N, C-alpha and C. Protein backbone atom coordinates (compact mmCIF):
# COMPACT_ATOMS: atom_id res chain seq x y z
N MET A 1 18.20 43.54 -25.93
CA MET A 1 19.16 43.57 -25.06
C MET A 1 18.45 43.28 -23.64
N GLY A 2 19.08 42.47 -22.54
CA GLY A 2 18.38 42.00 -21.60
C GLY A 2 19.53 41.95 -20.31
N PRO A 3 19.07 41.39 -19.17
CA PRO A 3 19.89 41.16 -18.09
C PRO A 3 20.92 40.16 -18.46
N GLY A 4 22.21 40.45 -17.99
CA GLY A 4 23.39 39.47 -18.05
C GLY A 4 23.02 38.44 -17.40
N HIS A 5 24.03 37.25 -17.46
CA HIS A 5 23.76 36.05 -16.86
C HIS A 5 25.26 35.66 -16.38
N ALA A 6 26.30 36.45 -16.52
CA ALA A 6 27.58 35.92 -16.38
C ALA A 6 27.88 36.37 -14.89
N THR A 7 28.46 35.30 -14.14
CA THR A 7 28.59 35.09 -12.62
C THR A 7 29.68 36.01 -12.25
N ARG A 8 30.83 36.46 -13.31
CA ARG A 8 31.60 36.97 -12.83
C ARG A 8 31.69 38.59 -12.85
N TYR A 9 30.53 39.48 -13.30
CA TYR A 9 30.32 40.32 -13.61
C TYR A 9 28.72 40.60 -13.18
N ILE A 10 28.22 42.09 -12.56
CA ILE A 10 26.94 42.34 -12.30
C ILE A 10 26.29 42.42 -13.68
N SER A 11 25.27 42.63 -13.70
CA SER A 11 24.22 42.88 -14.97
C SER A 11 24.57 44.53 -15.37
N THR A 12 24.65 44.53 -16.57
CA THR A 12 24.84 46.04 -16.99
C THR A 12 23.84 46.86 -16.43
N GLU A 13 22.53 46.73 -16.37
CA GLU A 13 21.47 47.65 -15.91
C GLU A 13 21.60 48.06 -14.56
N ARG A 14 22.32 47.18 -13.63
CA ARG A 14 22.69 47.32 -12.35
C ARG A 14 23.64 48.58 -12.30
N GLN A 15 24.80 48.58 -13.33
CA GLN A 15 25.91 49.49 -13.22
C GLN A 15 25.26 50.72 -13.86
N PHE A 16 24.53 50.82 -14.90
CA PHE A 16 24.48 51.89 -15.85
C PHE A 16 22.91 52.27 -15.75
N THR A 17 22.49 53.42 -15.61
CA THR A 17 20.70 53.92 -15.61
C THR A 17 20.51 54.67 -16.96
N PRO A 18 19.36 54.84 -17.33
CA PRO A 18 18.66 55.23 -18.37
C PRO A 18 19.24 56.80 -18.58
N GLU A 19 19.52 57.41 -17.56
CA GLU A 19 20.01 58.99 -17.12
C GLU A 19 21.24 59.05 -17.73
N THR A 20 22.39 57.99 -17.17
CA THR A 20 23.49 58.21 -18.01
C THR A 20 23.69 57.16 -19.33
N THR A 21 22.88 56.48 -19.56
CA THR A 21 23.07 55.49 -20.87
C THR A 21 21.56 55.42 -21.27
N PRO A 22 21.19 56.40 -21.75
CA PRO A 22 19.94 56.34 -22.82
C PRO A 22 19.96 55.19 -23.41
N GLY A 23 18.79 54.48 -23.29
CA GLY A 23 18.07 53.39 -24.25
C GLY A 23 18.63 52.17 -23.53
N ILE A 24 19.05 51.93 -22.41
CA ILE A 24 19.47 50.74 -22.02
C ILE A 24 18.44 49.85 -21.18
N ASP A 25 17.21 50.53 -21.04
CA ASP A 25 16.18 50.00 -20.54
C ASP A 25 15.14 49.78 -21.55
N ARG A 26 15.11 50.50 -22.81
CA ARG A 26 14.09 50.14 -23.77
C ARG A 26 14.61 50.58 -25.11
N GLN A 27 14.27 49.48 -25.76
CA GLN A 27 14.74 49.37 -27.43
C GLN A 27 13.77 49.61 -28.33
N THR A 28 14.22 50.16 -29.17
CA THR A 28 13.33 50.61 -30.40
C THR A 28 13.88 50.15 -31.62
N ALA A 29 12.92 50.59 -32.76
CA ALA A 29 13.46 50.31 -34.21
C ALA A 29 13.56 51.62 -34.89
N PHE A 30 14.40 51.70 -35.82
CA PHE A 30 14.50 53.12 -36.62
C PHE A 30 14.14 52.75 -38.11
N TRP A 31 13.69 54.02 -38.66
CA TRP A 31 14.01 54.60 -40.06
C TRP A 31 15.25 55.14 -39.86
N ARG A 32 16.23 54.90 -41.00
CA ARG A 32 17.61 55.39 -41.41
C ARG A 32 17.58 55.88 -42.87
N GLY A 33 18.14 57.04 -43.09
CA GLY A 33 18.39 57.38 -44.19
C GLY A 33 19.30 58.73 -44.19
N GLY A 34 20.05 58.91 -45.35
CA GLY A 34 21.21 59.99 -45.27
C GLY A 34 21.76 59.98 -46.59
N ALA A 35 22.98 61.03 -46.79
CA ALA A 35 23.90 61.25 -47.73
C ALA A 35 25.11 61.29 -47.25
N PHE A 36 26.09 60.92 -48.66
CA PHE A 36 27.75 60.93 -47.93
C PHE A 36 28.25 61.93 -49.24
N LEU A 37 29.69 62.42 -48.66
CA LEU A 37 30.23 63.04 -50.13
C LEU A 37 31.88 62.42 -49.68
N GLU A 38 32.53 62.02 -50.59
CA GLU A 38 33.81 61.71 -50.44
C GLU A 38 34.71 61.75 -51.56
N TYR A 39 35.82 62.18 -51.33
CA TYR A 39 37.04 62.66 -52.32
C TYR A 39 38.14 62.00 -51.83
N ASP A 40 38.85 61.18 -52.79
CA ASP A 40 39.87 60.11 -52.46
C ASP A 40 40.97 60.30 -53.61
N TRP A 41 42.11 60.90 -53.09
CA TRP A 41 43.14 61.07 -54.05
C TRP A 41 44.48 60.51 -53.94
N ARG A 42 44.60 59.68 -52.69
CA ARG A 42 45.55 58.80 -52.32
C ARG A 42 46.15 58.19 -53.35
N ASP A 43 47.54 57.69 -53.51
CA ASP A 43 48.19 57.02 -54.18
C ASP A 43 48.13 55.56 -54.44
N ARG A 44 47.48 55.04 -53.42
CA ARG A 44 46.83 53.69 -52.96
C ARG A 44 46.08 53.73 -51.83
N ASP A 45 45.25 52.47 -51.74
CA ASP A 45 44.26 52.41 -50.76
C ASP A 45 44.71 51.81 -49.61
N SER A 46 45.94 51.20 -49.64
CA SER A 46 46.52 50.33 -48.48
C SER A 46 48.07 50.93 -48.23
N SER A 47 47.99 51.76 -46.93
CA SER A 47 49.34 52.15 -46.58
C SER A 47 49.54 53.08 -47.44
N PRO A 48 48.96 54.14 -47.86
CA PRO A 48 49.29 55.08 -48.98
C PRO A 48 50.63 56.01 -48.42
N SER A 49 51.14 56.42 -49.41
CA SER A 49 52.50 57.39 -49.14
C SER A 49 52.30 59.07 -49.58
N SER A 50 51.00 59.21 -50.17
CA SER A 50 50.95 60.52 -50.63
C SER A 50 49.30 60.75 -51.16
N GLY A 51 49.09 62.05 -50.89
CA GLY A 51 47.49 62.18 -51.14
C GLY A 51 46.61 62.49 -49.82
N GLY A 52 45.31 62.43 -50.15
CA GLY A 52 44.27 62.49 -49.03
C GLY A 52 43.11 61.63 -49.19
N LYS A 53 42.37 61.82 -48.15
CA LYS A 53 40.98 61.32 -48.33
C LYS A 53 40.01 61.84 -47.20
N TYR A 54 38.91 62.47 -47.73
CA TYR A 54 38.15 63.46 -47.14
C TYR A 54 36.58 62.89 -47.30
N SER A 55 35.68 62.78 -46.28
CA SER A 55 34.34 62.58 -46.31
C SER A 55 33.54 63.19 -45.59
N ALA A 56 32.42 63.50 -45.79
CA ALA A 56 31.07 63.82 -44.84
C ALA A 56 30.11 62.97 -45.36
N GLN A 57 29.45 62.86 -43.91
CA GLN A 57 28.11 62.07 -43.84
C GLN A 57 27.05 62.57 -42.86
N TYR A 58 25.70 62.77 -43.74
CA TYR A 58 24.74 63.15 -42.75
C TYR A 58 23.72 61.76 -42.63
N THR A 59 23.29 61.55 -41.41
CA THR A 59 22.31 60.49 -41.42
C THR A 59 21.48 60.71 -40.46
N ARG A 60 20.07 60.53 -40.67
CA ARG A 60 19.10 60.92 -40.09
C ARG A 60 18.51 59.45 -39.25
N TYR A 61 18.10 59.49 -38.05
CA TYR A 61 17.44 58.30 -37.43
C TYR A 61 16.09 58.83 -36.89
N LEU A 62 15.22 57.96 -37.09
CA LEU A 62 13.64 58.14 -36.95
C LEU A 62 13.30 56.92 -35.92
N ASP A 63 12.89 57.58 -34.91
CA ASP A 63 12.55 56.33 -33.80
C ASP A 63 11.02 55.85 -34.16
N ARG A 64 10.75 54.42 -34.70
CA ARG A 64 9.73 54.05 -35.20
C ARG A 64 8.63 53.80 -34.09
N ASN A 65 8.96 53.60 -32.90
CA ASN A 65 8.17 52.73 -31.97
C ASN A 65 7.70 53.66 -30.58
N LEU A 66 9.03 54.15 -29.99
CA LEU A 66 8.64 54.90 -28.89
C LEU A 66 8.69 56.51 -28.75
N ASP A 67 9.06 57.04 -29.96
CA ASP A 67 9.02 58.54 -30.19
C ASP A 67 9.93 58.93 -28.98
N GLN A 68 11.12 58.47 -28.76
CA GLN A 68 12.14 58.95 -27.48
C GLN A 68 13.39 59.09 -28.28
N PHE A 69 13.64 58.33 -29.46
CA PHE A 69 15.60 58.30 -29.73
C PHE A 69 15.44 58.90 -31.29
N SER A 70 14.61 59.60 -31.70
CA SER A 70 15.16 60.48 -32.95
C SER A 70 16.30 61.43 -32.94
N PHE A 71 16.92 61.32 -33.94
CA PHE A 71 18.19 62.29 -34.02
C PHE A 71 18.97 62.36 -35.41
N LEU A 72 19.63 63.25 -35.52
CA LEU A 72 20.41 63.49 -36.51
C LEU A 72 22.03 63.26 -36.42
N ARG A 73 22.64 62.68 -37.16
CA ARG A 73 24.10 62.60 -36.80
C ARG A 73 25.27 63.01 -38.17
N LEU A 74 26.20 63.73 -37.85
CA LEU A 74 26.97 64.43 -38.70
C LEU A 74 28.72 63.65 -38.48
N ASP A 75 29.08 63.25 -39.55
CA ASP A 75 30.60 62.79 -39.51
C ASP A 75 31.06 63.24 -40.40
N PHE A 76 32.38 63.84 -39.96
CA PHE A 76 33.83 64.23 -41.31
C PHE A 76 34.71 63.48 -40.99
N ASP A 77 35.57 63.12 -41.89
CA ASP A 77 36.64 62.61 -41.41
C ASP A 77 37.59 63.06 -42.65
N ALA A 78 38.98 63.18 -42.23
CA ALA A 78 40.06 63.90 -42.95
C ALA A 78 41.11 63.30 -42.85
N ALA A 79 42.20 62.69 -43.84
CA ALA A 79 43.31 62.49 -43.76
C ALA A 79 44.29 62.57 -44.72
N GLN A 80 45.25 63.27 -44.21
CA GLN A 80 46.43 63.95 -45.58
C GLN A 80 47.74 62.91 -45.13
N TYR A 81 48.44 62.73 -46.23
CA TYR A 81 49.75 61.92 -46.10
C TYR A 81 50.76 62.56 -46.93
N ILE A 82 51.99 63.00 -46.05
CA ILE A 82 52.96 63.67 -46.62
C ILE A 82 54.38 62.70 -46.59
N PRO A 83 54.75 62.82 -48.07
CA PRO A 83 55.78 61.66 -48.16
C PRO A 83 57.02 62.52 -48.06
N LEU A 84 58.37 61.70 -47.38
CA LEU A 84 59.52 62.24 -47.07
C LEU A 84 60.38 61.16 -48.00
N VAL A 85 61.60 61.67 -48.14
CA VAL A 85 62.76 60.48 -48.53
C VAL A 85 62.17 59.63 -49.65
N ASN A 86 62.03 59.84 -50.92
CA ASN A 86 61.27 59.16 -51.76
C ASN A 86 60.32 58.42 -51.42
N HIS A 87 59.18 58.98 -50.64
CA HIS A 87 58.36 58.21 -50.03
C HIS A 87 58.43 56.69 -49.40
N THR A 88 59.74 56.75 -48.90
CA THR A 88 60.03 55.56 -47.91
C THR A 88 59.69 56.01 -46.34
N ARG A 89 59.31 57.39 -46.04
CA ARG A 89 58.92 57.75 -44.87
C ARG A 89 57.75 58.71 -45.04
N VAL A 90 56.93 58.51 -44.27
CA VAL A 90 55.67 59.26 -44.47
C VAL A 90 54.90 59.64 -43.04
N ILE A 91 54.56 60.87 -42.97
CA ILE A 91 53.76 61.46 -41.92
C ILE A 91 52.15 61.46 -42.19
N ALA A 92 51.44 60.94 -41.51
CA ALA A 92 49.96 60.64 -41.91
C ALA A 92 49.23 61.45 -41.06
N LEU A 93 48.52 62.55 -41.08
CA LEU A 93 47.50 63.50 -40.44
C LEU A 93 46.33 62.86 -40.43
N HIS A 94 45.30 62.55 -39.35
CA HIS A 94 43.96 62.36 -39.36
C HIS A 94 42.96 63.24 -38.31
N ALA A 95 42.10 63.34 -38.87
CA ALA A 95 41.42 64.18 -38.00
C ALA A 95 39.71 63.77 -38.44
N ALA A 96 38.99 63.39 -36.98
CA ALA A 96 37.41 63.21 -37.53
C ALA A 96 36.74 63.60 -36.15
N THR A 97 35.44 63.76 -36.50
CA THR A 97 34.59 64.26 -35.51
C THR A 97 33.38 63.88 -35.97
N SER A 98 32.31 63.40 -34.76
CA SER A 98 31.09 63.21 -34.98
C SER A 98 29.91 63.73 -34.12
N LEU A 99 28.92 64.25 -34.76
CA LEU A 99 28.05 65.36 -33.95
C LEU A 99 26.76 65.17 -34.12
N THR A 100 25.81 65.03 -32.83
CA THR A 100 24.80 64.39 -33.12
C THR A 100 23.66 65.59 -32.59
N LYS A 101 22.39 65.56 -32.84
CA LYS A 101 21.65 66.39 -32.49
C LYS A 101 20.00 65.99 -32.17
N THR A 102 19.40 66.37 -31.23
CA THR A 102 18.07 66.06 -31.02
C THR A 102 17.31 67.21 -30.73
N ASN A 103 15.85 66.76 -30.91
CA ASN A 103 14.87 67.98 -30.73
C ASN A 103 14.15 67.52 -29.35
N GLY A 104 13.81 68.67 -28.73
CA GLY A 104 12.81 68.74 -27.63
C GLY A 104 13.31 67.67 -26.75
N THR A 105 12.59 66.47 -26.28
CA THR A 105 13.12 65.23 -25.40
C THR A 105 13.28 64.32 -25.89
N GLN A 106 13.87 64.31 -27.09
CA GLN A 106 14.41 63.19 -27.86
C GLN A 106 16.13 63.06 -27.10
N GLN A 107 16.35 61.62 -27.35
CA GLN A 107 17.96 61.26 -26.83
C GLN A 107 18.39 60.44 -28.01
N VAL A 108 19.85 60.67 -27.89
CA VAL A 108 20.53 59.67 -29.00
C VAL A 108 20.68 58.37 -27.68
N PRO A 109 20.41 57.22 -28.31
CA PRO A 109 20.58 55.76 -27.45
C PRO A 109 22.07 55.59 -27.52
N PHE A 110 22.31 54.77 -26.42
CA PHE A 110 23.93 55.02 -26.28
C PHE A 110 24.62 53.80 -27.45
N TYR A 111 23.51 52.88 -27.43
CA TYR A 111 24.38 52.03 -28.58
C TYR A 111 24.52 52.70 -30.17
N LEU A 112 24.15 53.99 -30.16
CA LEU A 112 24.61 54.62 -31.50
C LEU A 112 25.06 55.81 -31.15
N GLN A 113 25.53 56.16 -29.92
CA GLN A 113 26.69 57.41 -29.63
C GLN A 113 28.03 57.29 -30.18
N PRO A 114 28.50 58.32 -30.71
CA PRO A 114 29.88 58.09 -31.03
C PRO A 114 30.90 57.94 -29.88
N THR A 115 31.82 56.73 -30.06
CA THR A 115 32.70 56.22 -29.30
C THR A 115 34.31 56.37 -29.64
N LEU A 116 35.15 56.69 -28.50
CA LEU A 116 36.19 56.40 -28.80
C LEU A 116 37.28 55.43 -28.15
N GLY A 117 38.13 54.64 -28.21
CA GLY A 117 38.97 53.71 -27.51
C GLY A 117 38.99 52.54 -28.76
N GLY A 118 40.06 52.14 -28.92
CA GLY A 118 40.10 50.98 -29.64
C GLY A 118 41.24 51.09 -30.66
N ALA A 119 41.41 50.15 -31.45
CA ALA A 119 42.71 50.16 -32.50
C ALA A 119 42.34 51.23 -33.63
N GLU A 120 41.37 51.87 -33.81
CA GLU A 120 41.04 52.55 -34.91
C GLU A 120 41.13 54.16 -34.47
N THR A 121 41.24 54.22 -33.03
CA THR A 121 40.74 55.50 -32.52
C THR A 121 41.75 56.11 -31.50
N LEU A 122 41.67 55.99 -30.31
CA LEU A 122 42.56 56.14 -29.16
C LEU A 122 43.47 54.53 -28.67
N ARG A 123 44.44 54.29 -29.40
CA ARG A 123 44.92 53.12 -29.31
C ARG A 123 45.48 52.76 -27.93
N GLY A 124 45.78 53.82 -27.05
CA GLY A 124 46.19 53.39 -25.81
C GLY A 124 44.87 53.22 -24.67
N TYR A 125 44.05 52.87 -25.25
CA TYR A 125 42.56 52.54 -24.39
C TYR A 125 41.69 51.38 -25.12
N ARG A 126 41.02 50.79 -24.07
CA ARG A 126 40.54 49.55 -24.61
C ARG A 126 39.20 49.98 -25.50
N THR A 127 38.76 48.86 -26.29
CA THR A 127 37.74 49.17 -26.99
C THR A 127 36.60 50.05 -26.51
N LEU A 128 36.11 51.03 -26.95
CA LEU A 128 34.65 51.82 -26.87
C LEU A 128 34.65 52.31 -25.56
N ARG A 129 35.83 52.76 -24.85
CA ARG A 129 36.33 53.15 -23.48
C ARG A 129 35.58 54.52 -23.11
N PHE A 130 35.21 55.33 -24.17
CA PHE A 130 34.42 56.77 -23.99
C PHE A 130 33.17 56.60 -25.05
N TYR A 131 32.07 57.10 -24.42
CA TYR A 131 30.95 57.39 -25.37
C TYR A 131 30.35 58.47 -25.20
N GLY A 132 29.64 59.29 -25.76
CA GLY A 132 28.78 60.37 -25.54
C GLY A 132 28.02 61.17 -26.78
N ASN A 133 27.49 62.15 -26.67
CA ASN A 133 26.94 62.60 -27.75
C ASN A 133 27.55 62.97 -29.04
N ASN A 134 28.78 63.64 -28.73
CA ASN A 134 29.65 64.02 -29.95
C ASN A 134 30.98 63.72 -29.50
N SER A 135 31.78 63.65 -30.50
CA SER A 135 33.14 63.20 -30.32
C SER A 135 34.14 64.00 -31.51
N VAL A 136 35.35 63.95 -30.70
CA VAL A 136 36.41 64.69 -31.93
C VAL A 136 37.73 63.80 -31.68
N LEU A 137 38.59 63.63 -32.76
CA LEU A 137 39.74 62.89 -32.42
C LEU A 137 40.52 63.18 -33.55
N VAL A 138 42.01 63.34 -33.06
CA VAL A 138 42.91 63.46 -34.05
C VAL A 138 44.22 62.45 -33.94
N ASN A 139 44.92 62.04 -34.95
CA ASN A 139 45.97 61.06 -34.99
C ASN A 139 47.12 61.70 -36.04
N ALA A 140 48.29 61.10 -35.44
CA ALA A 140 49.45 61.52 -36.39
C ALA A 140 50.26 60.37 -36.07
N GLU A 141 51.02 60.20 -37.43
CA GLU A 141 51.45 58.84 -37.44
C GLU A 141 52.73 59.07 -38.35
N TYR A 142 53.90 58.62 -37.87
CA TYR A 142 55.28 58.49 -38.69
C TYR A 142 55.57 57.08 -38.98
N TYR A 143 55.50 56.94 -40.28
CA TYR A 143 56.34 55.53 -40.53
C TYR A 143 57.47 55.28 -41.55
N TRP A 144 58.13 54.54 -41.58
CA TRP A 144 59.50 53.88 -42.09
C TRP A 144 59.24 53.02 -42.79
N GLU A 145 59.48 52.76 -44.25
CA GLU A 145 59.38 51.81 -44.82
C GLU A 145 60.98 50.99 -45.07
N ALA A 146 61.15 50.36 -43.88
CA ALA A 146 62.68 49.83 -43.91
C ALA A 146 62.68 48.76 -44.99
N SER A 147 61.76 48.31 -45.45
CA SER A 147 62.32 47.48 -46.64
C SER A 147 60.78 47.24 -47.69
N PRO A 148 60.73 46.56 -48.54
CA PRO A 148 59.73 46.30 -49.41
C PRO A 148 58.20 45.77 -48.42
N THR A 149 58.92 45.01 -47.53
CA THR A 149 57.63 44.37 -46.68
C THR A 149 57.63 44.68 -45.47
N PHE A 150 58.33 45.33 -44.98
CA PHE A 150 58.37 45.91 -43.48
C PHE A 150 58.54 47.12 -43.07
N SER A 151 57.64 47.60 -42.31
CA SER A 151 57.41 49.26 -41.84
C SER A 151 57.60 49.42 -40.23
N VAL A 152 58.18 50.50 -39.97
CA VAL A 152 58.02 50.61 -38.56
C VAL A 152 57.44 52.12 -38.57
N LEU A 153 56.79 52.28 -37.21
CA LEU A 153 55.94 53.34 -36.98
C LEU A 153 55.76 53.83 -35.60
N ALA A 154 55.47 55.07 -35.49
CA ALA A 154 55.12 55.71 -34.35
C ALA A 154 54.04 56.20 -34.16
N PHE A 155 53.26 56.68 -33.26
CA PHE A 155 52.05 57.52 -33.16
C PHE A 155 51.55 58.14 -32.16
N VAL A 156 50.85 59.12 -32.35
CA VAL A 156 50.01 59.96 -30.95
C VAL A 156 48.75 59.91 -31.33
N ASP A 157 47.92 60.07 -30.28
CA ASP A 157 46.34 60.00 -30.65
C ASP A 157 45.97 60.83 -29.65
N ALA A 158 45.00 61.67 -30.10
CA ALA A 158 44.14 62.45 -28.71
C ALA A 158 42.79 62.74 -29.44
N GLY A 159 41.66 62.58 -28.42
CA GLY A 159 40.35 62.76 -28.62
C GLY A 159 39.50 62.81 -27.37
N ARG A 160 38.24 63.38 -27.27
CA ARG A 160 37.44 63.44 -26.27
C ARG A 160 35.78 63.41 -26.86
N VAL A 161 35.15 62.91 -26.03
CA VAL A 161 33.45 62.93 -26.20
C VAL A 161 33.13 64.26 -25.33
N PHE A 162 31.90 64.69 -25.79
CA PHE A 162 31.56 65.85 -25.23
C PHE A 162 29.91 65.92 -25.36
N ASP A 163 28.94 66.67 -24.66
CA ASP A 163 27.61 66.72 -24.66
C ASP A 163 27.01 67.62 -25.63
N ARG A 164 27.61 68.89 -25.78
CA ARG A 164 27.13 70.01 -26.54
C ARG A 164 28.01 70.40 -27.90
N TRP A 165 27.56 70.78 -28.92
CA TRP A 165 28.28 71.36 -30.06
C TRP A 165 29.29 72.57 -29.70
N ALA A 166 28.84 73.40 -28.50
CA ALA A 166 29.72 74.40 -28.03
C ALA A 166 30.94 74.02 -27.45
N GLN A 167 31.01 72.88 -26.99
CA GLN A 167 32.02 72.24 -26.33
C GLN A 167 32.90 71.43 -27.26
N TRP A 168 32.89 71.68 -28.34
CA TRP A 168 33.95 71.07 -29.39
C TRP A 168 35.50 71.56 -29.42
N ASN A 169 36.02 71.27 -28.77
CA ASN A 169 37.80 71.40 -28.65
C ASN A 169 38.26 70.33 -28.22
N LEU A 170 39.94 70.49 -28.19
CA LEU A 170 40.72 68.96 -27.55
C LEU A 170 40.93 69.61 -26.23
N HIS A 171 40.19 70.46 -25.47
CA HIS A 171 40.66 70.52 -23.98
C HIS A 171 40.54 69.55 -23.34
N ASN A 172 41.39 69.27 -22.45
CA ASN A 172 41.44 68.05 -21.52
C ASN A 172 41.08 66.56 -22.06
N ALA A 173 41.48 66.57 -23.33
CA ALA A 173 41.44 65.44 -24.38
C ALA A 173 42.16 64.36 -23.33
N GLU A 174 41.77 63.02 -23.92
CA GLU A 174 42.36 61.70 -23.85
C GLU A 174 43.47 61.58 -24.63
N SER A 175 44.77 61.20 -24.53
CA SER A 175 46.02 61.00 -25.46
C SER A 175 46.55 59.64 -24.95
N ASP A 176 47.31 59.21 -26.35
CA ASP A 176 48.20 58.16 -26.28
C ASP A 176 49.32 57.94 -27.11
N VAL A 177 50.39 57.52 -26.87
CA VAL A 177 51.51 57.55 -27.87
C VAL A 177 51.79 55.98 -27.90
N GLY A 178 52.28 55.51 -28.93
CA GLY A 178 53.01 54.30 -29.19
C GLY A 178 53.73 53.99 -30.31
N PHE A 179 53.63 52.63 -30.74
CA PHE A 179 54.80 52.25 -31.49
C PHE A 179 54.21 51.02 -32.65
N GLY A 180 54.59 50.75 -33.63
CA GLY A 180 54.01 49.49 -34.00
C GLY A 180 54.85 49.05 -35.38
N PHE A 181 54.87 47.90 -35.96
CA PHE A 181 55.05 47.36 -37.41
C PHE A 181 54.14 46.91 -38.15
N ALA A 182 54.49 47.02 -39.48
CA ALA A 182 53.43 46.92 -40.52
C ALA A 182 54.35 45.59 -41.17
N PHE A 183 53.36 44.83 -42.06
CA PHE A 183 54.21 43.90 -42.97
C PHE A 183 53.19 43.65 -43.88
N ARG A 184 53.93 44.00 -45.09
CA ARG A 184 53.25 44.01 -46.47
C ARG A 184 53.46 42.85 -47.52
N THR A 185 52.36 42.98 -48.36
CA THR A 185 52.80 42.18 -49.63
C THR A 185 53.20 43.17 -50.49
N GLU A 186 53.40 42.90 -51.79
CA GLU A 186 53.87 43.64 -52.92
C GLU A 186 52.44 44.75 -53.10
N SER A 187 51.57 44.40 -52.84
CA SER A 187 50.34 45.03 -53.36
C SER A 187 49.55 46.22 -51.97
N LYS A 188 49.73 45.25 -50.69
CA LYS A 188 48.70 45.92 -49.75
C LYS A 188 49.71 45.36 -48.35
N VAL A 189 49.06 46.38 -47.14
CA VAL A 189 49.44 45.71 -45.97
C VAL A 189 48.63 44.40 -45.47
N ALA A 190 49.75 43.49 -45.19
CA ALA A 190 49.24 42.17 -44.82
C ALA A 190 48.71 42.51 -43.24
N PHE A 191 49.31 42.81 -42.26
CA PHE A 191 48.72 43.23 -40.83
C PHE A 191 49.72 44.00 -40.28
N ARG A 192 49.07 44.51 -39.14
CA ARG A 192 49.95 45.68 -38.38
C ARG A 192 49.68 45.09 -36.73
N LEU A 193 50.84 45.23 -36.30
CA LEU A 193 50.78 44.89 -35.01
C LEU A 193 51.48 46.19 -34.19
N GLU A 194 50.59 46.50 -33.24
CA GLU A 194 50.67 47.89 -32.70
C GLU A 194 50.30 48.14 -31.17
N THR A 195 51.24 48.83 -30.39
CA THR A 195 51.01 49.06 -29.06
C THR A 195 50.84 50.47 -28.61
N GLY A 196 49.78 50.84 -27.63
CA GLY A 196 49.70 52.06 -27.56
C GLY A 196 49.62 52.34 -25.88
N PHE A 197 49.93 53.55 -25.48
CA PHE A 197 50.20 53.58 -24.19
C PHE A 197 49.43 54.96 -23.74
N SER A 198 48.66 54.54 -22.62
CA SER A 198 48.14 55.73 -21.78
C SER A 198 48.38 55.92 -20.33
N HIS A 199 47.68 56.81 -19.74
CA HIS A 199 47.53 56.93 -18.45
C HIS A 199 46.91 55.64 -17.75
N GLU A 200 45.91 54.99 -18.62
CA GLU A 200 45.29 53.88 -18.01
C GLU A 200 45.99 52.82 -18.04
N GLY A 201 47.52 52.58 -19.01
CA GLY A 201 47.97 51.48 -19.28
C GLY A 201 48.14 51.16 -20.43
N PHE A 202 48.51 50.11 -20.86
CA PHE A 202 48.64 50.02 -22.72
C PHE A 202 47.86 49.04 -23.25
N GLN A 203 47.81 49.20 -24.51
CA GLN A 203 46.69 47.91 -25.19
C GLN A 203 47.73 47.61 -26.17
N VAL A 204 47.51 46.04 -26.81
CA VAL A 204 48.17 45.77 -27.68
C VAL A 204 47.00 45.18 -29.12
N TRP A 205 47.28 45.62 -30.24
CA TRP A 205 46.46 45.40 -31.17
C TRP A 205 47.05 44.76 -32.63
N PHE A 206 46.42 43.98 -33.20
CA PHE A 206 46.76 43.36 -34.29
C PHE A 206 45.74 43.24 -35.13
N ARG A 207 45.90 43.94 -36.21
CA ARG A 207 44.82 44.31 -37.25
C ARG A 207 45.51 43.96 -38.70
N ALA A 208 44.46 43.44 -39.70
CA ALA A 208 44.96 43.03 -40.84
C ALA A 208 44.41 43.93 -41.84
N SER A 209 44.46 45.36 -41.42
CA SER A 209 44.08 46.28 -42.43
C SER A 209 44.87 47.75 -41.82
N ASN A 210 44.89 48.71 -43.12
CA ASN A 210 45.35 49.90 -42.76
C ASN A 210 44.50 50.77 -41.98
N MET A 211 45.12 51.78 -41.10
CA MET A 211 44.04 52.44 -40.18
C MET A 211 43.28 53.51 -40.82
N PHE A 212 44.03 54.44 -41.66
CA PHE A 212 43.02 55.56 -42.27
C PHE A 212 42.40 55.20 -43.29
């Protein structure tokens, strides 16, 4: 990374400091290793109507050059699908959290911190709107299969980033609501068009894959 050259915006390092955005002034290289577990019993990979998917992942980052940015990260993700009316209507519940931990004076560089905002997290906010050492997110979605190729959906999202594990909760979480449409082929979702509304305005997302 280096200074920006666009004339429309000031360079990033003039807006953000190493205290608020660790790693913006110095970059390093990492050794990375870890492990994960996953259990998937959804009835189909794309736009499932029943079952669930659960995963847990551990990742260790070791700073090879500066000895300033070594940390560990834990990611947990769970999605559950509740079918209604002959599987033509579905309630999808999703929760995820990302937790990081450092030792001594080590820090998590901003480009590896958990983020929220965008088509797969908080859909009423722009991409990567929030970042921090830890995050928690919940989504609820209701969709109706109006025909074999067309579905209507409504959703609500909530989440927040925070500094310490002891702050893990949804108090004062950012939230949004929205609606969308999904178009599918015989075997999978072809694309989704969604609009999310928050106190910062609205965002429109076009995606060629299913959310959870």
